[in-house]
Structure formats: structure tokens, C-alpha cells
Amino acid sequence: MTIGIFSAVIAAALLHALWNGLIKLEVSKLTAMLLLTMVQGIIGLVVALNRDLPAKEICFWLLGSGVFHTLYKLFLAYAYDQGDLSRVYPIARGAAPLVVLVIAAIFLNDRMGGPEYAGVVVLGAGILLMARGVFRCNERRRLLPLALGSALATAGYSLVDGMGARVAGDAVTYVAWLFVLDALFFTPTCLALRGRQVLHASRRTWLVCSGAATASYSAYAITVWAMTQAPLALVAALRETSILFAVLIGWTLFGERMDRGKAVAALLIVAGVILTRL
């Protein structure tokens, strides 16, 4: 991996943590997530209209991805209503590769080697330690099932998008249509849950969410591009350094409580992800 690709992936990890931080800043997390999704959809539509339409066999993958992305954002928005960025983000992001690894081993006949088994153990220990901190610090326990729900949805769209982009043979077009469908699915879901009031937002909120949407779209596009230039496993592992960025953002910018247990748990999660990708 060249220094340029390495820097791009680290930048994507930072962008991913930043857009989550921007969503956490807003009073209504669901409204913020909806505005972000709508702007992403607009960006995706602009890109998609300048490229060929996806083949019919890709539509199945895109529809499945749209469903998983909608569930992911719903769970994540509600999780941020209940807990800190530095608590929710590591659980949601760290548990996802663990789920993918287990599903791949059971259903896709992907054999795991020694480092991957070690990674599962380290990842599990980090997630359990992070979850244990919720009980020790008297935080809202409802964040745990919501963060884990987000992780399951992330695992779902990771598997679907990984296979769908390979079938498509054009990651740029695939990602563009994915965000268009994501907006088409997520918008009516939010309206059904909260009514039209979910669209009420100040100019500042629109600006913040537009910035978050640009960061999110860019992070995903950079990651997909990097996977065409370098080993997929290495890119995926580097991208999870976003967990450390999120913990640092929560601590330094949001004034979230940082103790030894939370710091060790975040490091264990990142180390576990790296081990599973070796």
C-alpha cells in the first residue's frame, strides 16, 4: 500500500468519525440523520445521472443495501439519543466486523486462521469491556441494544455492498445508486415515525447536516476506491481506526467522560479488527 492510499484511508476514517460527531451535536438525532440522508441522496443522484444505469442483476443488491442502510441509521440515531459518541460508536463499529466474520465462517464457508480467531477474542473482550462501562458509569442501558442493532445492520450492508459492488463491476455507480435508494427508503420511514415535524430544522442544522453528508459520502467513496487499489482486508482494518478518532472527538470536543476502561476497550476493539484482517 502506497503512502497516498494509506493517507486516503486514514482520512476516510476521520471523515466517518466526524460526520457521526456532527450528528451527535444536533438536538434531534433522527432529524439530523434524515437531512444527512437526503443530501447524500442528492449527491448520489447527481453522480448516477452522469453514469450508465445499473444492470438488472444489481437491483437486488441495491434494494437489500437500501434496507440495511435504513435500519443502520435508525438504530444509530436512537443510540445517540441514549449515550455518548465515545461509547456508542466503538460498540456499533467494533461489533460489525465481528458479526461479518462469524457469518462468513458459518454460511459462506470462509475458513478462519489463527489471527482471525485471536481477533474474535480480542474484539469480543473490547466490546464486553465497553458495554460493562455502561453499567459501571450508570449510563442509559438502552444504548446497548440500539448500538448492537446498528452493528448488525452495518454487518448486513457490508456483506451486501461488498458482493453487490463486485457483481456491478463499477463501484462509483453502485455507491451513487445506493445513496439514492437509501434516501428513498429512509425518508418515508422517518415521516411515518415522526410525521412532517421531523423535517423542521434551522438553517444551521441544514448546514451541519450537509457538511456531515459530504463527509459521509466522501468517506464511503474513498474507502471503495481504496479497495480497488490495495488489499481489501488491509483497507477495512485501517478504516476502523475511526473508532479511535470518535473516542478522541467525544473526549476533547464534547467533554465526554474518559476513563481507563473506555480507552482500553477502544484500543482492544481496534486491535481485534486489525487481527481479523491480517
Protein backbone atom coordinates (compact mmCIF):
# COMPACT_ATOMS: atom_id res chain seq x y z
CA MET A 1 0.00 0.00 0.00
CA THR A 2 1.41 3.38 -1.02
CA ILE A 3 1.59 6.33 1.35
CA GLY A 4 -1.05 8.07 -0.75
CA ILE A 5 -3.60 5.26 -0.37
CA PHE A 6 -2.74 4.89 3.32
CA SER A 7 -3.34 8.61 3.89
CA ALA A 8 -6.61 8.47 1.95
CA VAL A 9 -7.97 5.62 4.07
CA ILE A 10 -6.98 7.34 7.31
CA ALA A 11 -8.69 10.50 6.02
CA ALA A 12 -11.81 8.44 5.27
CA ALA A 13 -11.74 7.07 8.82
CA LEU A 14 -11.51 10.59 10.22
CA LEU A 15 -14.36 11.79 7.99
CA HIS A 16 -16.55 8.91 9.18
CA ALA A 17 -15.94 9.75 12.82
CA LEU A 18 -16.51 13.46 12.11
CA TRP A 19 -19.92 13.02 10.49
CA ASN A 20 -21.03 10.90 13.44
CA GLY A 21 -19.83 13.66 15.73
CA LEU A 22 -21.80 16.25 13.76
CA ILE A 23 -24.98 14.16 14.08
CA LYS A 24 -24.39 13.81 17.81
CA LEU A 25 -24.25 17.61 18.10
CA GLU A 26 -27.86 18.06 16.97
CA VAL A 27 -30.82 18.08 19.36
CA SER A 28 -32.93 15.73 17.21
CA LYS A 29 -30.68 12.91 16.06
CA LEU A 30 -33.37 11.44 13.78
CA THR A 31 -33.93 14.79 12.03
CA ALA A 32 -30.17 15.22 11.61
CA MET A 33 -29.83 11.71 10.19
CA LEU A 34 -32.74 12.35 7.80
CA LEU A 35 -31.26 15.61 6.48
CA LEU A 36 -27.88 13.91 6.05
CA THR A 37 -29.53 11.08 4.11
CA MET A 38 -31.47 13.46 1.86
CA VAL A 39 -28.31 15.40 0.97
CA GLN A 40 -26.45 12.14 0.34
CA GLY A 41 -29.27 11.11 -1.99
CA ILE A 42 -28.95 14.35 -3.94
CA ILE A 43 -25.19 13.89 -4.29
CA GLY A 44 -25.73 10.28 -5.36
CA LEU A 45 -28.37 11.28 -7.92
CA VAL A 46 -26.06 13.87 -9.49
CA VAL A 47 -23.34 11.23 -9.84
CA ALA A 48 -25.74 8.50 -11.01
CA LEU A 49 -27.30 10.63 -13.76
CA ASN A 50 -23.88 11.08 -15.32
CA ARG A 51 -23.25 7.33 -15.49
CA ASP A 52 -24.92 4.28 -17.02
CA LEU A 53 -27.95 2.72 -15.35
CA PRO A 54 -27.14 -0.35 -13.23
CA ALA A 55 -27.86 -3.76 -14.73
CA LYS A 56 -30.98 -5.63 -13.61
CA GLU A 57 -29.00 -8.15 -11.58
CA ILE A 58 -27.59 -5.29 -9.47
CA CYS A 59 -31.03 -4.06 -8.39
CA PHE A 60 -31.45 -6.92 -5.92
CA TRP A 61 -28.24 -5.95 -4.15
CA LEU A 62 -29.12 -2.26 -4.16
CA LEU A 63 -32.58 -2.89 -2.67
CA GLY A 64 -31.12 -5.07 0.07
CA SER A 65 -28.46 -2.47 0.81
CA GLY A 66 -31.08 0.29 1.00
CA VAL A 67 -32.99 -1.66 3.65
CA PHE A 68 -29.88 -2.33 5.72
CA HIS A 69 -28.70 1.29 5.49
CA THR A 70 -32.12 2.48 6.66
CA LEU A 71 -32.02 0.15 9.68
CA TYR A 72 -28.43 1.20 10.41
CA LYS A 73 -29.29 4.89 10.51
CA LEU A 74 -32.42 4.38 12.59
CA PHE A 75 -30.59 2.35 15.23
CA LEU A 76 -27.64 4.77 15.23
CA ALA A 77 -29.82 7.87 15.60
CA TYR A 78 -31.71 6.39 18.54
CA ALA A 79 -28.48 5.11 20.10
CA TYR A 80 -27.01 8.63 20.05
CA ASP A 81 -30.13 9.81 21.86
CA GLN A 82 -29.20 7.47 24.71
CA GLY A 83 -25.42 7.62 25.00
CA ASP A 84 -22.08 9.27 24.30
CA LEU A 85 -20.35 9.22 20.93
CA SER A 86 -17.30 7.66 22.59
CA ARG A 87 -19.46 4.82 23.96
CA VAL A 88 -21.92 4.13 21.14
CA TYR A 89 -19.55 4.43 18.17
CA PRO A 90 -16.96 1.81 19.27
CA ILE A 91 -19.68 -0.74 20.04
CA ALA A 92 -21.55 -0.11 16.78
CA ARG A 93 -18.44 -0.13 14.59
CA GLY A 94 -16.50 -2.78 16.50
CA ALA A 95 -19.25 -5.39 16.67
CA ALA A 96 -19.97 -5.16 12.92
CA PRO A 97 -16.76 -6.84 11.65
CA LEU A 98 -17.18 -9.48 14.36
CA VAL A 99 -20.65 -10.31 13.02
CA VAL A 100 -19.40 -10.34 9.42
CA LEU A 101 -16.56 -12.68 10.35
CA VAL A 102 -18.85 -15.15 12.12
CA ILE A 103 -21.49 -15.10 9.34
CA ALA A 104 -18.83 -15.61 6.68
CA ALA A 105 -17.35 -18.54 8.59
CA ILE A 106 -20.72 -20.25 9.14
CA PHE A 107 -22.66 -19.52 5.96
CA LEU A 108 -20.06 -18.64 3.34
CA ASN A 109 -17.54 -21.37 4.23
CA ASP A 110 -14.76 -18.85 4.79
CA ARG A 111 -12.18 -20.58 6.95
CA MET A 112 -10.64 -18.59 9.75
CA GLY A 113 -6.96 -18.69 10.59
CA GLY A 114 -5.14 -18.18 13.88
CA PRO A 115 -5.02 -14.36 13.72
CA GLU A 116 -8.74 -14.22 12.94
CA TYR A 117 -9.65 -16.39 15.92
CA ALA A 118 -7.41 -14.20 18.07
CA GLY A 119 -9.11 -11.14 16.62
CA VAL A 120 -12.55 -12.51 17.55
CA VAL A 121 -11.43 -12.99 21.15
CA VAL A 122 -9.83 -9.53 21.40
CA LEU A 123 -12.77 -7.86 19.65
CA GLY A 124 -15.25 -9.60 21.94
CA ALA A 125 -13.25 -8.60 25.01
CA GLY A 126 -13.15 -4.96 23.88
CA ILE A 127 -16.89 -4.84 23.19
CA LEU A 128 -17.72 -6.51 26.51
CA LEU A 129 -15.45 -4.08 28.35
CA MET A 130 -17.07 -1.12 26.60
CA ALA A 131 -20.53 -2.48 27.42
CA ARG A 132 -19.52 -3.13 31.02
CA GLY A 133 -18.65 0.55 31.33
CA VAL A 134 -22.31 1.41 30.70
CA PHE A 135 -23.32 -0.38 33.89
CA ARG A 136 -20.38 0.86 35.96
CA CYS A 137 -20.92 4.50 34.97
CA ASN A 138 -24.71 4.41 35.41
CA GLU A 139 -25.32 5.33 31.78
CA ARG A 140 -28.55 4.59 29.92
CA ARG A 141 -28.55 0.87 29.25
CA ARG A 142 -30.91 1.23 26.32
CA LEU A 143 -27.94 2.37 24.23
CA LEU A 144 -26.56 -1.19 24.17
CA PRO A 145 -29.29 -2.94 22.13
CA LEU A 146 -29.52 0.10 19.85
CA ALA A 147 -25.76 0.20 19.24
CA LEU A 148 -25.74 -3.56 18.65
CA GLY A 149 -28.70 -3.20 16.29
CA SER A 150 -26.68 -0.64 14.35
CA ALA A 151 -23.76 -3.09 14.27
CA LEU A 152 -25.96 -5.89 12.88
CA ALA A 153 -27.28 -3.57 10.17
CA THR A 154 -23.72 -2.45 9.37
CA ALA A 155 -22.69 -6.07 9.01
CA GLY A 156 -25.67 -6.59 6.70
CA TYR A 157 -24.89 -3.73 4.35
CA SER A 158 -21.18 -4.54 4.42
CA LEU A 159 -21.84 -8.06 3.14
CA VAL A 160 -24.44 -6.92 0.59
CA ASP A 161 -22.40 -3.96 -0.68
CA GLY A 162 -19.21 -5.97 -0.89
CA MET A 163 -20.85 -8.62 -3.08
CA GLY A 164 -23.05 -6.14 -4.95
CA ALA A 165 -20.14 -3.87 -5.94
CA ARG A 166 -18.21 -6.88 -7.23
CA VAL A 167 -21.17 -8.02 -9.33
CA ALA A 168 -21.66 -4.48 -10.63
CA GLY A 169 -18.03 -4.04 -11.60
CA ASP A 170 -18.44 -0.28 -11.12
CA ALA A 171 -18.18 0.83 -7.52
CA VAL A 172 -18.82 4.53 -8.27
CA THR A 173 -22.17 3.87 -9.93
CA TYR A 174 -23.13 1.30 -7.31
CA VAL A 175 -22.42 3.67 -4.42
CA ALA A 176 -24.29 6.52 -6.13
CA TRP A 177 -27.48 4.49 -6.64
CA LEU A 178 -27.12 3.07 -3.15
CA PHE A 179 -27.38 6.53 -1.60
CA VAL A 180 -30.32 7.41 -3.86
CA LEU A 181 -32.22 4.32 -2.68
CA ASP A 182 -31.15 4.96 0.89
CA ALA A 183 -32.83 8.38 0.74
CA LEU A 184 -35.95 6.91 -0.89
CA PHE A 185 -36.26 4.31 1.88
CA PHE A 186 -35.20 6.34 4.89
CA THR A 187 -37.28 9.48 4.21
CA PRO A 188 -40.75 7.84 4.29
CA THR A 189 -39.68 5.74 7.27
CA CYS A 190 -38.85 8.88 9.28
CA LEU A 191 -42.06 10.59 8.18
CA ALA A 192 -44.05 7.55 9.30
CA LEU A 193 -42.32 7.57 12.71
CA ARG A 194 -42.36 11.32 13.47
CA GLY A 195 -44.61 12.99 10.87
CA ARG A 196 -43.66 16.13 8.96
CA GLN A 197 -42.21 17.73 12.08
CA VAL A 198 -39.12 15.57 11.57
CA LEU A 199 -38.28 17.87 8.64
CA HIS A 200 -38.35 21.02 10.77
CA ALA A 201 -34.80 22.25 11.16
CA SER A 202 -32.92 25.51 11.41
CA ARG A 203 -30.58 26.81 8.75
CA ARG A 204 -27.67 25.91 11.00
CA THR A 205 -28.87 22.30 11.24
CA TRP A 206 -29.21 22.09 7.46
CA LEU A 207 -25.65 23.39 7.08
CA VAL A 208 -24.25 21.00 9.69
CA CYS A 209 -26.05 18.02 8.18
CA SER A 210 -24.98 18.98 4.66
CA GLY A 211 -21.39 19.01 5.87
CA ALA A 212 -21.91 15.65 7.57
CA ALA A 213 -23.45 14.24 4.38
CA THR A 214 -20.48 15.40 2.30
CA ALA A 215 -18.08 13.84 4.80
CA SER A 216 -20.06 10.59 4.88
CA TYR A 217 -20.31 10.28 1.10
CA SER A 218 -16.63 11.13 0.68
CA ALA A 219 -15.56 8.62 3.33
CA TYR A 220 -17.51 5.81 1.65
CA ALA A 221 -16.29 6.74 -1.84
CA ILE A 222 -12.66 6.89 -0.69
CA THR A 223 -12.95 3.52 1.03
CA VAL A 224 -14.45 1.83 -2.03
CA TRP A 225 -11.80 3.39 -4.28
CA ALA A 226 -9.02 2.29 -1.93
CA MET A 227 -10.32 -1.28 -2.04
CA THR A 228 -9.70 -1.27 -5.79
CA GLN A 229 -6.11 -0.12 -5.27
CA ALA A 230 -4.97 -2.12 -2.22
CA PRO A 231 -5.83 -5.36 -0.41
CA LEU A 232 -9.45 -5.20 0.79
CA ALA A 233 -8.64 -6.62 4.22
CA LEU A 234 -5.93 -4.05 4.86
CA VAL A 235 -8.20 -1.16 3.83
CA ALA A 236 -11.02 -2.46 6.01
CA ALA A 237 -8.74 -2.73 9.02
CA LEU A 238 -7.29 0.76 8.59
CA ARG A 239 -10.78 2.23 8.23
CA GLU A 240 -11.69 1.04 11.72
CA THR A 241 -9.18 3.48 13.18
CA SER A 242 -12.27 5.73 13.00
CA ILE A 243 -13.14 4.22 16.40
CA LEU A 244 -10.14 5.94 17.97
CA PHE A 245 -10.98 9.21 16.20
CA ALA A 246 -14.56 9.03 17.54
CA VAL A 247 -13.37 8.43 21.10
CA LEU A 248 -10.95 11.36 20.86
CA ILE A 249 -13.65 13.64 19.37
CA GLY A 250 -16.08 12.71 22.13
CA TRP A 251 -13.47 13.35 24.81
CA THR A 252 -11.83 16.54 23.52
CA LEU A 253 -14.69 18.32 21.74
CA PHE A 254 -17.80 17.10 23.56
CA GLY A 255 -16.29 16.82 27.04
CA GLU A 256 -17.42 13.20 27.40
CA ARG A 257 -16.09 11.26 30.36
CA MET A 258 -12.93 9.33 29.56
CA ASP A 259 -11.67 6.67 31.93
CA ARG A 260 -9.10 3.92 31.64
CA GLY A 261 -11.74 1.28 30.91
CA LYS A 262 -13.19 3.15 27.93
CA ALA A 263 -9.75 3.88 26.49
CA VAL A 264 -8.59 0.26 26.86
CA ALA A 265 -11.83 -1.03 25.37
CA ALA A 266 -11.46 1.21 22.30
CA LEU A 267 -7.87 0.06 21.78
CA LEU A 268 -8.88 -3.59 22.14
CA ILE A 269 -11.65 -3.18 19.56
CA VAL A 270 -9.29 -1.62 17.03
CA ALA A 271 -6.62 -4.27 17.72
CA GLY A 272 -9.20 -7.02 17.31
CA VAL A 273 -10.35 -5.63 13.96
CA ILE A 274 -6.76 -5.43 12.72
CA LEU A 275 -6.09 -9.03 13.80
CA THR A 276 -9.14 -10.31 11.94
CA ARG A 277 -7.88 -8.61 8.77
CA LEU A 278 -4.32 -9.95 8.84
